[in-house]
Amino acid sequence: MDNRPARWIWLAVAVIFLGALVIYLIAFFPEAVAGRDGQIGLTHGLIFLSVLGGSAILHRRMRPGHVLRYAAIWIAVAVAVLGAYSFRYDAARLGERLLGELVPHRGIVRDGVVTVRAGQGGHFVVETEVNGIAIRFLVDTGASDVILSPADAARLGFNLSDLRYIRTYRTANGIVQGAPVRLDRVAVGSIALTNVRASVNGAPMRRSLLGMSFLSRLSGYEVRDDRLTLRP
C-alpha cells in the first residue's frame, strides 16, 4: 500500500512546527536572534532539524507517529537550550546572590559594587585578596589603618622580627604597638586598590581589620539594615 500521502502530511506538520518555533523564538527571546551570530545559529539549527526530520519522515521504515514524536523532542531540546542561553546572565546573578547568602564574606558583586551581608553578631567579615593571598578582614571604621594580625602578616611574607613597631594605637583593649607597612594590592570583589597603608599588630589578633586606609579611598560605603555596600 502506498503511504506517500501520509508522509507528506507529516512533513507539512513538521514544517508548521518549525515555523511555530521561529515565531516563538522571535516573540519571547528577541535578544537571542537579534545579532548576526544568533541569526546564523538559528538558521543552522533549522536546517539541521529540517534535514533530520525530513529524512526520517521520508524513510519508509519509520512510522509517521514516531517521526512526529522525535521531531517534538528535538524542538523541545532546541527551545530549552536557547532559553537557557538567553537567561544565562540572570542565572549567573542568581547564583552569585545565593552564594552571597550562604557564604556572607564572599559578598555579591554587581556593576562594580560589592555588597556584604552581616555575619554572626552583626559584624561584617570580608573575603579580601592581599598581594594574591586570600585573607578575611573584619570591617572596622574605627581603625585608622588596615591592621594585619601577626599570623596574616607572616602569610604575606613579612618577617615579624625585622619590623619596627613604632606606631601607637589606642583600642578598646588598651594601647598596642604596630609596625607600619605597605600593601601592594588589596582587592574586595571587583574593587582593587594599590599601595594601601597598613600596620602589623604587635599582639596576636583573632582577625585582621579592614580600616579607613582602605575604606576612605572608596567613592563611598554605607551600612543599611544588615548589608554593607562598598563602591569603587
C-alpha atoms as a PDB file:
ATOM      1  CA  MET A   1       0.000   0.000   0.000  1.00  0.00           C
ATOM      2  CA  ASP A   2       1.377   3.430  -0.942  1.00  0.00           C
ATOM      3  CA  ASN A   3       1.608   5.644   2.135  1.00  0.00           C
ATOM      4  CA  ARG A   4       3.403   8.553   0.482  1.00  0.00           C
ATOM      5  CA  PRO A   5       0.464  10.987   1.000  1.00  0.00           C
ATOM      6  CA  ALA A   6       0.613  10.311   4.746  1.00  0.00           C
ATOM      7  CA  ARG A   7       4.333  11.013   4.742  1.00  0.00           C
ATOM      8  CA  TRP A   8       3.805  14.334   3.017  1.00  0.00           C
ATOM      9  CA  ILE A   9       1.120  15.221   5.565  1.00  0.00           C
ATOM     10  CA  TRP A  10       3.556  14.580   8.426  1.00  0.00           C
ATOM     11  CA  LEU A  11       6.213  16.536   6.586  1.00  0.00           C
ATOM     12  CA  ALA A  12       3.814  19.506   6.379  1.00  0.00           C
ATOM     13  CA  VAL A  13       3.113  19.166  10.104  1.00  0.00           C
ATOM     14  CA  ALA A  14       6.862  19.267  10.798  1.00  0.00           C
ATOM     15  CA  VAL A  15       7.221  22.411   8.697  1.00  0.00           C
ATOM     16  CA  ILE A  16       4.401  24.032  10.685  1.00  0.00           C
ATOM     17  CA  PHE A  17       6.189  23.091  13.903  1.00  0.00           C
ATOM     18  CA  LEU A  18       9.404  24.710  12.673  1.00  0.00           C
ATOM     19  CA  GLY A  19       7.517  27.842  11.689  1.00  0.00           C
ATOM     20  CA  ALA A  20       5.876  27.992  15.101  1.00  0.00           C
ATOM     21  CA  LEU A  21       9.299  27.549  16.710  1.00  0.00           C
ATOM     22  CA  VAL A  22      10.717  30.501  14.796  1.00  0.00           C
ATOM     23  CA  ILE A  23       7.758  32.698  15.802  1.00  0.00           C
ATOM     24  CA  TYR A  24       8.133  31.592  19.433  1.00  0.00           C
ATOM     25  CA  LEU A  25      11.847  32.456  19.496  1.00  0.00           C
ATOM     26  CA  ILE A  26      11.345  35.865  17.950  1.00  0.00           C
ATOM     27  CA  ALA A  27       8.450  36.692  20.282  1.00  0.00           C
ATOM     28  CA  PHE A  28       9.912  35.510  23.585  1.00  0.00           C
ATOM     29  CA  PHE A  29      13.695  35.623  23.027  1.00  0.00           C
ATOM     30  CA  PRO A  30      14.311  38.545  20.629  1.00  0.00           C
ATOM     31  CA  GLU A  31      17.744  39.242  22.083  1.00  0.00           C
ATOM     32  CA  ALA A  32      18.898  35.724  21.203  1.00  0.00           C
ATOM     33  CA  VAL A  33      18.198  36.179  17.485  1.00  0.00           C
ATOM     34  CA  ALA A  34      18.797  39.907  17.166  1.00  0.00           C
ATOM     35  CA  GLY A  35      22.510  39.706  16.386  1.00  0.00           C
ATOM     36  CA  ARG A  36      24.186  38.172  13.389  1.00  0.00           C
ATOM     37  CA  ASP A  37      25.581  35.255  15.406  1.00  0.00           C
ATOM     38  CA  GLY A  38      22.142  34.457  16.789  1.00  0.00           C
ATOM     39  CA  GLN A  39      20.565  34.513  13.337  1.00  0.00           C
ATOM     40  CA  ILE A  40      23.266  32.257  11.914  1.00  0.00           C
ATOM     41  CA  GLY A  41      22.862  29.843  14.799  1.00  0.00           C
ATOM     42  CA  LEU A  42      19.096  29.773  14.340  1.00  0.00           C
ATOM     43  CA  THR A  43      19.468  29.126  10.602  1.00  0.00           C
ATOM     44  CA  HIS A  44      21.877  26.262  11.196  1.00  0.00           C
ATOM     45  CA  GLY A  45      19.552  24.755  13.777  1.00  0.00           C
ATOM     46  CA  LEU A  46      16.543  24.951  11.472  1.00  0.00           C
ATOM     47  CA  ILE A  47      18.478  23.378   8.610  1.00  0.00           C
ATOM     48  CA  PHE A  48      19.612  20.573  10.892  1.00  0.00           C
ATOM     49  CA  LEU A  49      16.104  19.915  12.152  1.00  0.00           C
ATOM     50  CA  SER A  50      14.700  20.081   8.627  1.00  0.00           C
ATOM     51  CA  VAL A  51      17.190  17.590   7.226  1.00  0.00           C
ATOM     52  CA  LEU A  52      16.827  15.258  10.185  1.00  0.00           C
ATOM     53  CA  GLY A  53      13.048  15.380  10.273  1.00  0.00           C
ATOM     54  CA  GLY A  54      12.597  15.268   6.516  1.00  0.00           C
ATOM     55  CA  SER A  55      14.868  12.287   6.021  1.00  0.00           C
ATOM     56  CA  ALA A  56      13.166  10.439   8.848  1.00  0.00           C
ATOM     57  CA  ILE A  57       9.661  11.126   7.549  1.00  0.00           C
ATOM     58  CA  LEU A  58      10.518  10.088   4.019  1.00  0.00           C
ATOM     59  CA  HIS A  59      12.197   6.906   5.196  1.00  0.00           C
ATOM     60  CA  ARG A  60       9.862   4.007   4.573  1.00  0.00           C
ATOM     61  CA  ARG A  61      10.665   2.009   7.697  1.00  0.00           C
ATOM     62  CA  MET A  62       9.779   4.707  10.241  1.00  0.00           C
ATOM     63  CA  ARG A  63       6.208   5.295  11.236  1.00  0.00           C
ATOM     64  CA  PRO A  64       4.889   8.830  10.921  1.00  0.00           C
ATOM     65  CA  GLY A  65       3.883   8.831  14.588  1.00  0.00           C
ATOM     66  CA  HIS A  66       7.455   8.102  15.621  1.00  0.00           C
ATOM     67  CA  VAL A  67       8.709  10.849  13.354  1.00  0.00           C
ATOM     68  CA  LEU A  68       6.381  13.389  14.965  1.00  0.00           C
ATOM     69  CA  ARG A  69       7.448  12.254  18.417  1.00  0.00           C
ATOM     70  CA  TYR A  70      11.154  12.611  17.619  1.00  0.00           C
ATOM     71  CA  ALA A  71      10.593  15.975  15.964  1.00  0.00           C
ATOM     72  CA  ALA A  72       8.766  17.241  19.058  1.00  0.00           C
ATOM     73  CA  ILE A  73      11.616  16.044  21.266  1.00  0.00           C
ATOM     74  CA  TRP A  74      14.235  17.824  19.158  1.00  0.00           C
ATOM     75  CA  ILE A  75      12.190  21.013  19.073  1.00  0.00           C
ATOM     76  CA  ALA A  76      11.771  20.918  22.857  1.00  0.00           C
ATOM     77  CA  VAL A  77      15.515  20.401  23.286  1.00  0.00           C
ATOM     78  CA  ALA A  78      16.272  23.313  20.958  1.00  0.00           C
ATOM     79  CA  VAL A  79      13.876  25.613  22.830  1.00  0.00           C
ATOM     80  CA  ALA A  80      15.313  24.577  26.205  1.00  0.00           C
ATOM     81  CA  VAL A  81      18.911  25.154  25.099  1.00  0.00           C
ATOM     82  CA  LEU A  82      18.148  28.530  23.568  1.00  0.00           C
ATOM     83  CA  GLY A  83      16.121  29.557  26.611  1.00  0.00           C
ATOM     84  CA  ALA A  84      18.975  28.592  28.935  1.00  0.00           C
ATOM     85  CA  TYR A  85      21.403  30.558  26.766  1.00  0.00           C
ATOM     86  CA  SER A  86      19.154  33.613  26.785  1.00  0.00           C
ATOM     87  CA  PHE A  87      18.859  33.630  30.590  1.00  0.00           C
ATOM     88  CA  ARG A  88      22.496  32.751  31.290  1.00  0.00           C
ATOM     89  CA  TYR A  89      23.285  36.165  32.811  1.00  0.00           C
ATOM     90  CA  ASP A  90      20.210  36.086  35.059  1.00  0.00           C
ATOM     91  CA  ALA A  91      21.198  32.601  36.208  1.00  0.00           C
ATOM     92  CA  ALA A  92      24.731  33.768  36.949  1.00  0.00           C
ATOM     93  CA  ARG A  93      23.448  36.707  39.033  1.00  0.00           C
ATOM     94  CA  LEU A  94      21.100  34.390  40.902  1.00  0.00           C
ATOM     95  CA  GLY A  95      23.981  32.029  41.626  1.00  0.00           C
ATOM     96  CA  GLU A  96      26.108  34.894  42.934  1.00  0.00           C
ATOM     97  CA  ARG A  97      23.292  36.065  45.185  1.00  0.00           C
ATOM     98  CA  LEU A  98      22.701  32.588  46.589  1.00  0.00           C
ATOM     99  CA  LEU A  99      26.426  32.190  47.206  1.00  0.00           C
ATOM    100  CA  GLY A 100      26.498  35.573  48.934  1.00  0.00           C
ATOM    101  CA  GLU A 101      23.670  34.489  51.246  1.00  0.00           C
ATOM    102  CA  LEU A 102      25.228  31.115  52.044  1.00  0.00           C
ATOM    103  CA  VAL A 103      28.775  32.457  52.415  1.00  0.00           C
ATOM    104  CA  PRO A 104      28.404  36.080  53.628  1.00  0.00           C
ATOM    105  CA  HIS A 105      32.103  37.002  53.494  1.00  0.00           C
ATOM    106  CA  ARG A 106      32.233  36.303  49.743  1.00  0.00           C
ATOM    107  CA  GLY A 107      29.932  39.232  49.004  1.00  0.00           C
ATOM    108  CA  ILE A 108      27.823  39.983  45.954  1.00  0.00           C
ATOM    109  CA  VAL A 109      29.348  41.935  43.057  1.00  0.00           C
ATOM    110  CA  ARG A 110      27.070  43.866  40.724  1.00  0.00           C
ATOM    111  CA  ASP A 111      28.139  46.678  38.394  1.00  0.00           C
ATOM    112  CA  GLY A 112      31.381  47.035  40.335  1.00  0.00           C
ATOM    113  CA  VAL A 113      29.598  47.498  43.675  1.00  0.00           C
ATOM    114  CA  VAL A 114      30.266  44.921  46.405  1.00  0.00           C
ATOM    115  CA  THR A 115      27.567  44.081  48.942  1.00  0.00           C
ATOM    116  CA  VAL A 116      28.333  42.011  52.026  1.00  0.00           C
ATOM    117  CA  ARG A 117      25.784  40.559  54.416  1.00  0.00           C
ATOM    118  CA  ALA A 118      26.417  40.785  58.150  1.00  0.00           C
ATOM    119  CA  GLY A 119      27.568  37.614  59.857  1.00  0.00           C
ATOM    120  CA  GLN A 120      27.095  36.456  63.393  1.00  0.00           C
ATOM    121  CA  GLY A 121      26.873  39.278  65.909  1.00  0.00           C
ATOM    122  CA  GLY A 122      26.121  41.803  63.178  1.00  0.00           C
ATOM    123  CA  HIS A 123      29.772  42.134  62.146  1.00  0.00           C
ATOM    124  CA  PHE A 124      30.943  42.347  58.537  1.00  0.00           C
ATOM    125  CA  VAL A 125      33.681  39.944  57.543  1.00  0.00           C
ATOM    126  CA  VAL A 126      35.027  40.404  54.027  1.00  0.00           C
ATOM    127  CA  GLU A 127      36.955  37.960  51.872  1.00  0.00           C
ATOM    128  CA  THR A 128      39.892  40.023  50.579  1.00  0.00           C
ATOM    129  CA  GLU A 129      42.822  39.305  48.326  1.00  0.00           C
ATOM    130  CA  VAL A 130      46.028  40.929  49.554  1.00  0.00           C
ATOM    131  CA  ASN A 131      49.058  40.611  47.297  1.00  0.00           C
ATOM    132  CA  GLY A 132      47.475  37.494  45.823  1.00  0.00           C
ATOM    133  CA  ILE A 133      46.746  35.893  49.240  1.00  0.00           C
ATOM    134  CA  ALA A 134      43.172  35.378  50.453  1.00  0.00           C
ATOM    135  CA  ILE A 135      42.624  36.984  53.858  1.00  0.00           C
ATOM    136  CA  ARG A 136      39.378  37.587  55.755  1.00  0.00           C
ATOM    137  CA  PHE A 137      39.085  41.014  57.333  1.00  0.00           C
ATOM    138  CA  LEU A 138      36.702  42.345  59.916  1.00  0.00           C
ATOM    139  CA  VAL A 139      35.446  45.707  58.654  1.00  0.00           C
ATOM    140  CA  ASP A 140      36.228  48.334  61.283  1.00  0.00           C
ATOM    141  CA  THR A 141      35.520  52.006  60.541  1.00  0.00           C
ATOM    142  CA  GLY A 142      37.094  52.891  63.876  1.00  0.00           C
ATOM    143  CA  ALA A 143      40.516  51.658  62.753  1.00  0.00           C
ATOM    144  CA  SER A 144      42.569  54.345  61.034  1.00  0.00           C
ATOM    145  CA  ASP A 145      44.618  51.798  59.089  1.00  0.00           C
ATOM    146  CA  VAL A 146      44.322  48.323  57.727  1.00  0.00           C
ATOM    147  CA  ILE A 147      45.542  46.256  60.683  1.00  0.00           C
ATOM    148  CA  LEU A 148      47.164  42.884  59.999  1.00  0.00           C
ATOM    149  CA  SER A 149      47.317  40.212  62.629  1.00  0.00           C
ATOM    150  CA  PRO A 150      50.826  38.763  63.084  1.00  0.00           C
ATOM    151  CA  ALA A 151      49.633  35.483  61.569  1.00  0.00           C
ATOM    152  CA  ASP A 152      48.260  37.143  58.429  1.00  0.00           C
ATOM    153  CA  ALA A 153      51.356  39.335  58.130  1.00  0.00           C
ATOM    154  CA  ALA A 154      53.539  36.225  58.182  1.00  0.00           C
ATOM    155  CA  ARG A 155      51.371  34.667  55.461  1.00  0.00           C
ATOM    156  CA  LEU A 156      52.007  37.752  53.340  1.00  0.00           C
ATOM    157  CA  GLY A 157      55.751  37.271  53.683  1.00  0.00           C
ATOM    158  CA  PHE A 158      56.579  39.886  56.308  1.00  0.00           C
ATOM    159  CA  ASN A 159      59.382  38.981  58.689  1.00  0.00           C
ATOM    160  CA  LEU A 160      57.878  39.923  62.036  1.00  0.00           C
ATOM    161  CA  SER A 161      61.233  40.196  63.800  1.00  0.00           C
ATOM    162  CA  ASP A 162      62.502  42.730  61.253  1.00  0.00           C
ATOM    163  CA  LEU A 163      59.552  45.097  61.592  1.00  0.00           C
ATOM    164  CA  ARG A 164      59.697  48.289  63.651  1.00  0.00           C
ATOM    165  CA  TYR A 165      56.721  48.598  65.985  1.00  0.00           C
ATOM    166  CA  ILE A 166      56.760  52.373  66.247  1.00  0.00           C
ATOM    167  CA  ARG A 167      53.091  53.182  65.729  1.00  0.00           C
ATOM    168  CA  THR A 168      50.794  53.505  68.747  1.00  0.00           C
ATOM    169  CA  TYR A 169      47.090  52.657  68.635  1.00  0.00           C
ATOM    170  CA  ARG A 170      44.516  53.210  71.345  1.00  0.00           C
ATOM    171  CA  THR A 171      41.945  50.428  71.224  1.00  0.00           C
ATOM    172  CA  ALA A 172      39.154  49.135  73.427  1.00  0.00           C
ATOM    173  CA  ASN A 173      41.651  46.656  74.840  1.00  0.00           C
ATOM    174  CA  GLY A 174      44.206  49.313  75.642  1.00  0.00           C
ATOM    175  CA  ILE A 175      47.265  50.716  73.895  1.00  0.00           C
ATOM    176  CA  VAL A 176      49.001  48.475  71.349  1.00  0.00           C
ATOM    177  CA  GLN A 177      52.011  48.956  69.108  1.00  0.00           C
ATOM    178  CA  GLY A 178      52.031  48.428  65.380  1.00  0.00           C
ATOM    179  CA  ALA A 179      54.602  48.244  62.623  1.00  0.00           C
ATOM    180  CA  PRO A 180      53.799  50.373  59.539  1.00  0.00           C
ATOM    181  CA  VAL A 181      53.886  48.526  56.205  1.00  0.00           C
ATOM    182  CA  ARG A 182      52.560  48.989  52.663  1.00  0.00           C
ATOM    183  CA  LEU A 183      50.378  46.523  50.802  1.00  0.00           C
ATOM    184  CA  ASP A 184      50.896  46.406  47.047  1.00  0.00           C
ATOM    185  CA  ARG A 185      47.319  45.430  46.250  1.00  0.00           C
ATOM    186  CA  VAL A 186      44.132  44.923  48.256  1.00  0.00           C
ATOM    187  CA  ALA A 187      41.056  43.655  46.407  1.00  0.00           C
ATOM    188  CA  VAL A 188      37.499  43.106  47.612  1.00  0.00           C
ATOM    189  CA  GLY A 189      35.488  41.525  44.824  1.00  0.00           C
ATOM    190  CA  SER A 190      35.954  43.751  41.774  1.00  0.00           C
ATOM    191  CA  ILE A 191      37.301  46.651  43.869  1.00  0.00           C
ATOM    192  CA  ALA A 192      41.100  46.789  43.914  1.00  0.00           C
ATOM    193  CA  LEU A 193      43.396  49.420  45.477  1.00  0.00           C
ATOM    194  CA  THR A 194      47.158  49.626  45.287  1.00  0.00           C
ATOM    195  CA  ASN A 195      49.766  50.887  47.734  1.00  0.00           C
ATOM    196  CA  VAL A 196      47.491  50.641  50.760  1.00  0.00           C
ATOM    197  CA  ARG A 197      48.768  51.884  54.114  1.00  0.00           C
ATOM    198  CA  ALA A 198      48.652  49.181  56.779  1.00  0.00           C
ATOM    199  CA  SER A 199      50.100  48.178  60.109  1.00  0.00           C
ATOM    200  CA  VAL A 200      51.129  44.849  61.620  1.00  0.00           C
ATOM    201  CA  ASN A 201      49.742  44.497  65.103  1.00  0.00           C
ATOM    202  CA  GLY A 202      52.285  43.831  67.810  1.00  0.00           C
ATOM    203  CA  ALA A 203      49.962  41.470  69.682  1.00  0.00           C
ATOM    204  CA  PRO A 204      48.029  38.424  68.433  1.00  0.00           C
ATOM    205  CA  MET A 205      44.611  39.131  66.941  1.00  0.00           C
ATOM    206  CA  ARG A 206      41.710  36.869  66.130  1.00  0.00           C
ATOM    207  CA  ARG A 207      41.179  38.610  62.775  1.00  0.00           C
ATOM    208  CA  SER A 208      42.781  41.395  60.760  1.00  0.00           C
ATOM    209  CA  LEU A 209      40.897  44.689  60.419  1.00  0.00           C
ATOM    210  CA  LEU A 210      39.884  46.453  57.224  1.00  0.00           C
ATOM    211  CA  GLY A 211      40.207  50.046  58.363  1.00  0.00           C
ATOM    212  CA  MET A 212      39.969  53.536  56.961  1.00  0.00           C
ATOM    213  CA  SER A 213      43.205  53.470  54.948  1.00  0.00           C
ATOM    214  CA  PHE A 214      41.202  51.250  52.584  1.00  0.00           C
ATOM    215  CA  LEU A 215      37.634  52.450  53.141  1.00  0.00           C
ATOM    216  CA  SER A 216      38.432  56.171  52.832  1.00  0.00           C
ATOM    217  CA  ARG A 217      39.814  55.621  49.318  1.00  0.00           C
ATOM    218  CA  LEU A 218      36.497  54.291  48.044  1.00  0.00           C
ATOM    219  CA  SER A 219      33.958  56.575  46.416  1.00  0.00           C
ATOM    220  CA  GLY A 220      31.551  55.566  49.173  1.00  0.00           C
ATOM    221  CA  TYR A 221      30.392  52.906  51.609  1.00  0.00           C
ATOM    222  CA  GLU A 222      27.292  52.515  53.712  1.00  0.00           C
ATOM    223  CA  VAL A 223      25.589  50.137  56.113  1.00  0.00           C
ATOM    224  CA  ARG A 224      21.863  49.658  55.720  1.00  0.00           C
ATOM    225  CA  ASP A 225      19.956  47.026  57.645  1.00  0.00           C
ATOM    226  CA  ASP A 226      22.295  44.017  57.572  1.00  0.00           C
ATOM    227  CA  ARG A 227      24.111  44.959  54.344  1.00  0.00           C
ATOM    228  CA  LEU A 228      27.453  46.688  53.834  1.00  0.00           C
ATOM    229  CA  THR A 229      27.851  48.305  50.424  1.00  0.00           C
ATOM    230  CA  LEU A 230      31.288  49.219  49.040  1.00  0.00           C
ATOM    231  CA  ARG A 231      31.527  51.454  45.969  1.00  0.00           C
ATOM    232  CA  PRO A 232      34.760  51.741  43.947  1.00  0.00           C
END
